[in-house]
Amino acid sequence: MELGSIERELYVEATPEIVFEVVSDPAHVKQWWSDDARYETVVGSAGEILFADADGGKVEAFTVVDVQPPTRFSFRWTHPAGDEAAEGNSLLVTFELVPQGAGTLVRFRETGFRERGWTAASLEASYQDHVQGWDYFLPRLVTYAATLDARP
């Protein structure tokens, strides 16, 4: 089984400009993905993503890597708090947005699993956890973004 990357393509019935805001702006991100998001949408901004649960939740470090409105947004996350995000200590998520018909094709990719240096069991567990997570959250992105497109 390939555990190097997670890739998905999704079609969103909204313009690339709207979809870009949905995947990059913390106010929108917390509507479809995390319970809270604290960062600025500028390259190099370090912040955090929070996920609530019965035990109080989990905070993940988050660093913006690339901002090219309305076509690309990428970030690194899951690196140790206080460490600078880099290849080998974090996962890289990229959203590429391509106009398609009346909407947007979203090309999603998360990489960096093998580069973390985890044991085989930890690598597989983390990879499967992220596959399940993205399979849950990415459809929410599609639904949420479509509600924001105010075209007649």
C-alpha atoms as a PDB file:
ATOM      1  CA  MET A   1       0.000   0.000   0.000  1.00  0.00           C
ATOM      2  CA  GLU A   2       1.254   3.475  -0.900  1.00  0.00           C
ATOM      3  CA  LEU A   3       1.439   5.588   2.240  1.00  0.00           C
ATOM      4  CA  GLY A   4       3.206   8.592   0.754  1.00  0.00           C
ATOM      5  CA  SER A   5       0.317  10.871  -0.120  1.00  0.00           C
ATOM      6  CA  ILE A   6      -3.420  11.346  -0.003  1.00  0.00           C
ATOM      7  CA  GLU A   7      -4.924  12.816  -3.158  1.00  0.00           C
ATOM      8  CA  ARG A   8      -8.501  13.751  -3.968  1.00  0.00           C
ATOM      9  CA  GLU A   9     -10.277  15.678  -6.707  1.00  0.00           C
ATOM     10  CA  LEU A  10     -13.559  17.382  -5.897  1.00  0.00           C
ATOM     11  CA  TYR A  11     -15.916  19.534  -7.889  1.00  0.00           C
ATOM     12  CA  VAL A  12     -17.386  22.534  -6.080  1.00  0.00           C
ATOM     13  CA  GLU A  13     -20.315  24.526  -7.377  1.00  0.00           C
ATOM     14  CA  ALA A  14     -18.690  27.854  -6.526  1.00  0.00           C
ATOM     15  CA  THR A  15     -16.167  30.162  -8.148  1.00  0.00           C
ATOM     16  CA  PRO A  16     -12.427  29.686  -7.529  1.00  0.00           C
ATOM     17  CA  GLU A  17     -12.453  32.982  -5.601  1.00  0.00           C
ATOM     18  CA  ILE A  18     -15.047  31.648  -3.162  1.00  0.00           C
ATOM     19  CA  VAL A  19     -13.380  28.246  -2.863  1.00  0.00           C
ATOM     20  CA  PHE A  20     -10.029  29.928  -2.210  1.00  0.00           C
ATOM     21  CA  GLU A  21     -11.560  31.830   0.714  1.00  0.00           C
ATOM     22  CA  VAL A  22     -13.130  28.622   2.035  1.00  0.00           C
ATOM     23  CA  VAL A  23      -9.824  26.701   2.071  1.00  0.00           C
ATOM     24  CA  SER A  24      -7.616  29.579   3.252  1.00  0.00           C
ATOM     25  CA  ASP A  25      -9.532  31.946   5.551  1.00  0.00           C
ATOM     26  CA  PRO A  26      -9.655  30.734   9.182  1.00  0.00           C
ATOM     27  CA  ALA A  27     -13.224  32.032   9.556  1.00  0.00           C
ATOM     28  CA  HIS A  28     -14.308  29.677   6.775  1.00  0.00           C
ATOM     29  CA  VAL A  29     -11.954  26.791   7.641  1.00  0.00           C
ATOM     30  CA  LYS A  30     -13.626  26.376  11.024  1.00  0.00           C
ATOM     31  CA  GLN A  31     -16.993  25.997   9.297  1.00  0.00           C
ATOM     32  CA  TRP A  32     -16.045  22.798   7.459  1.00  0.00           C
ATOM     33  CA  TRP A  33     -12.838  21.410   9.005  1.00  0.00           C
ATOM     34  CA  SER A  34     -11.561  22.392  12.434  1.00  0.00           C
ATOM     35  CA  ASP A  35     -13.389  23.668  15.481  1.00  0.00           C
ATOM     36  CA  ASP A  36     -11.128  26.711  15.505  1.00  0.00           C
ATOM     37  CA  ALA A  37      -8.346  28.052  13.308  1.00  0.00           C
ATOM     38  CA  ARG A  38      -5.839  30.720  14.310  1.00  0.00           C
ATOM     39  CA  TYR A  39      -3.449  31.995  11.646  1.00  0.00           C
ATOM     40  CA  GLU A  40      -3.123  34.717   9.042  1.00  0.00           C
ATOM     41  CA  THR A  41      -3.485  33.954   5.342  1.00  0.00           C
ATOM     42  CA  VAL A  42       0.041  35.071   4.492  1.00  0.00           C
ATOM     43  CA  VAL A  43       3.117  33.000   3.665  1.00  0.00           C
ATOM     44  CA  GLY A  44       5.047  32.153   6.823  1.00  0.00           C
ATOM     45  CA  SER A  45       2.178  32.770   9.227  1.00  0.00           C
ATOM     46  CA  ALA A  46       2.377  30.307  12.105  1.00  0.00           C
ATOM     47  CA  GLY A  47      -0.732  29.403  14.026  1.00  0.00           C
ATOM     48  CA  GLU A  48      -2.809  26.469  15.086  1.00  0.00           C
ATOM     49  CA  ILE A  49      -5.833  24.376  14.224  1.00  0.00           C
ATOM     50  CA  LEU A  50      -7.995  23.044  17.052  1.00  0.00           C
ATOM     51  CA  PHE A  51     -10.190  19.955  17.094  1.00  0.00           C
ATOM     52  CA  ALA A  52     -12.558  19.533  20.046  1.00  0.00           C
ATOM     53  CA  ASP A  53     -13.468  16.169  21.526  1.00  0.00           C
ATOM     54  CA  ALA A  54     -14.727  14.691  24.779  1.00  0.00           C
ATOM     55  CA  ASP A  55     -11.198  14.833  26.249  1.00  0.00           C
ATOM     56  CA  GLY A  56     -10.835  18.571  25.586  1.00  0.00           C
ATOM     57  CA  GLY A  57      -9.459  18.391  22.086  1.00  0.00           C
ATOM     58  CA  LYS A  58      -6.256  18.473  20.121  1.00  0.00           C
ATOM     59  CA  VAL A  59      -4.217  21.443  18.948  1.00  0.00           C
ATOM     60  CA  GLU A  60      -2.101  21.083  15.813  1.00  0.00           C
ATOM     61  CA  ALA A  61       0.638  23.499  14.775  1.00  0.00           C
ATOM     62  CA  PHE A  62      -0.088  25.117  11.394  1.00  0.00           C
ATOM     63  CA  THR A  63       2.140  27.174   9.063  1.00  0.00           C
ATOM     64  CA  VAL A  64       1.044  28.807   5.806  1.00  0.00           C
ATOM     65  CA  VAL A  65       3.438  27.850   2.975  1.00  0.00           C
ATOM     66  CA  ASP A  66       1.928  29.192  -0.262  1.00  0.00           C
ATOM     67  CA  VAL A  67      -0.827  31.715  -1.007  1.00  0.00           C
ATOM     68  CA  GLN A  68      -1.750  32.362  -4.652  1.00  0.00           C
ATOM     69  CA  PRO A  69      -5.355  33.606  -4.809  1.00  0.00           C
ATOM     70  CA  PRO A  70      -7.520  32.188  -6.277  1.00  0.00           C
ATOM     71  CA  THR A  71      -5.559  29.161  -7.519  1.00  0.00           C
ATOM     72  CA  ARG A  72      -3.414  27.712  -4.716  1.00  0.00           C
ATOM     73  CA  PHE A  73      -3.185  27.495  -0.945  1.00  0.00           C
ATOM     74  CA  SER A  74      -0.842  25.230   0.986  1.00  0.00           C
ATOM     75  CA  PHE A  75       0.200  24.734   4.567  1.00  0.00           C
ATOM     76  CA  ARG A  76       2.283  22.477   6.778  1.00  0.00           C
ATOM     77  CA  TRP A  77       0.801  21.042   9.931  1.00  0.00           C
ATOM     78  CA  THR A  78       1.275  18.434  12.678  1.00  0.00           C
ATOM     79  CA  HIS A  79       4.827  19.599  13.472  1.00  0.00           C
ATOM     80  CA  PRO A  80       5.825  19.900  17.132  1.00  0.00           C
ATOM     81  CA  ALA A  81       4.612  23.135  18.713  1.00  0.00           C
ATOM     82  CA  GLY A  82       7.429  25.654  18.827  1.00  0.00           C
ATOM     83  CA  ASP A  83       9.345  24.006  15.968  1.00  0.00           C
ATOM     84  CA  GLU A  84       9.544  25.596  12.545  1.00  0.00           C
ATOM     85  CA  ALA A  85       7.560  23.576   9.997  1.00  0.00           C
ATOM     86  CA  ALA A  86       9.803  21.782   7.518  1.00  0.00           C
ATOM     87  CA  GLU A  87       9.982  18.644   5.425  1.00  0.00           C
ATOM     88  CA  GLY A  88      10.524  15.760   7.816  1.00  0.00           C
ATOM     89  CA  ASN A  89       8.642  17.182  10.804  1.00  0.00           C
ATOM     90  CA  SER A  90       5.265  18.039   9.264  1.00  0.00           C
ATOM     91  CA  LEU A  91       2.710  17.160   6.624  1.00  0.00           C
ATOM     92  CA  LEU A  92       2.163  19.387   3.583  1.00  0.00           C
ATOM     93  CA  VAL A  93      -1.400  20.050   2.401  1.00  0.00           C
ATOM     94  CA  THR A  94      -2.020  21.702  -0.961  1.00  0.00           C
ATOM     95  CA  PHE A  95      -5.264  22.885  -2.504  1.00  0.00           C
ATOM     96  CA  GLU A  96      -5.040  23.646  -6.221  1.00  0.00           C
ATOM     97  CA  LEU A  97      -8.144  25.336  -7.625  1.00  0.00           C
ATOM     98  CA  VAL A  98      -8.978  25.118 -11.317  1.00  0.00           C
ATOM     99  CA  PRO A  99     -11.987  26.834 -12.923  1.00  0.00           C
ATOM    100  CA  GLN A 100     -14.208  24.184 -14.457  1.00  0.00           C
ATOM    101  CA  GLY A 101     -17.552  24.979 -16.044  1.00  0.00           C
ATOM    102  CA  ALA A 102     -19.559  27.087 -13.616  1.00  0.00           C
ATOM    103  CA  GLY A 103     -17.546  25.886 -10.621  1.00  0.00           C
ATOM    104  CA  THR A 104     -14.127  24.806  -9.409  1.00  0.00           C
ATOM    105  CA  LEU A 105     -12.125  21.602  -9.546  1.00  0.00           C
ATOM    106  CA  VAL A 106     -10.270  21.207  -6.252  1.00  0.00           C
ATOM    107  CA  ARG A 107      -7.116  19.114  -6.391  1.00  0.00           C
ATOM    108  CA  PHE A 108      -6.240  18.193  -2.819  1.00  0.00           C
ATOM    109  CA  ARG A 109      -2.976  16.574  -1.787  1.00  0.00           C
ATOM    110  CA  GLU A 110      -1.392  15.773   1.585  1.00  0.00           C
ATOM    111  CA  THR A 111       2.207  14.532   1.598  1.00  0.00           C
ATOM    112  CA  GLY A 112       5.080  13.959   4.003  1.00  0.00           C
ATOM    113  CA  PHE A 113       3.990  10.812   5.822  1.00  0.00           C
ATOM    114  CA  ARG A 114       7.043   8.702   4.969  1.00  0.00           C
ATOM    115  CA  GLU A 115       9.411  11.621   5.615  1.00  0.00           C
ATOM    116  CA  ARG A 116       8.344  11.803   9.271  1.00  0.00           C
ATOM    117  CA  GLY A 117      10.550   8.847  10.208  1.00  0.00           C
ATOM    118  CA  TRP A 118       7.747   6.992  11.971  1.00  0.00           C
ATOM    119  CA  THR A 119       7.783   3.252  12.571  1.00  0.00           C
ATOM    120  CA  ALA A 120       5.795   1.258   9.987  1.00  0.00           C
ATOM    121  CA  ALA A 121       2.905   0.853  12.440  1.00  0.00           C
ATOM    122  CA  SER A 122       2.823   4.571  13.329  1.00  0.00           C
ATOM    123  CA  LEU A 123       3.064   5.546   9.673  1.00  0.00           C
ATOM    124  CA  GLU A 124       0.152   3.315   8.705  1.00  0.00           C
ATOM    125  CA  ALA A 125      -1.986   4.444  11.665  1.00  0.00           C
ATOM    126  CA  SER A 126      -1.382   8.140  10.974  1.00  0.00           C
ATOM    127  CA  TYR A 127      -1.959   7.721   7.247  1.00  0.00           C
ATOM    128  CA  GLN A 128      -5.235   5.831   7.776  1.00  0.00           C
ATOM    129  CA  ASP A 129      -6.373   8.411  10.347  1.00  0.00           C
ATOM    130  CA  HIS A 130      -5.795  11.204   7.823  1.00  0.00           C
ATOM    131  CA  VAL A 131      -7.503   9.285   4.996  1.00  0.00           C
ATOM    132  CA  GLN A 132     -10.582   8.847   7.175  1.00  0.00           C
ATOM    133  CA  GLY A 133     -10.437  12.465   8.312  1.00  0.00           C
ATOM    134  CA  TRP A 134     -10.175  13.935   4.825  1.00  0.00           C
ATOM    135  CA  ASP A 135     -12.861  11.553   3.533  1.00  0.00           C
ATOM    136  CA  TYR A 136     -15.134  13.090   6.175  1.00  0.00           C
ATOM    137  CA  PHE A 137     -14.097  16.748   5.932  1.00  0.00           C
ATOM    138  CA  LEU A 138     -13.586  17.310   2.187  1.00  0.00           C
ATOM    139  CA  PRO A 139     -17.257  16.659   1.317  1.00  0.00           C
ATOM    140  CA  ARG A 140     -18.128  19.252   3.989  1.00  0.00           C
ATOM    141  CA  LEU A 141     -15.890  21.742   2.137  1.00  0.00           C
ATOM    142  CA  VAL A 142     -17.869  21.066  -1.074  1.00  0.00           C
ATOM    143  CA  THR A 143     -21.237  21.563   0.641  1.00  0.00           C
ATOM    144  CA  TYR A 144     -20.172  24.645   2.594  1.00  0.00           C
ATOM    145  CA  ALA A 145     -18.534  26.426  -0.367  1.00  0.00           C
ATOM    146  CA  ALA A 146     -21.604  25.875  -2.549  1.00  0.00           C
ATOM    147  CA  THR A 147     -23.751  27.737   0.017  1.00  0.00           C
ATOM    148  CA  LEU A 148     -21.549  30.836  -0.319  1.00  0.00           C
ATOM    149  CA  ASP A 149     -21.782  31.259  -4.085  1.00  0.00           C
ATOM    150  CA  ALA A 150     -24.286  34.070  -4.536  1.00  0.00           C
ATOM    151  CA  ARG A 151     -24.380  34.031  -8.336  1.00  0.00           C
ATOM    152  CA  PRO A 152     -27.934  34.339  -9.719  1.00  0.00           C
END
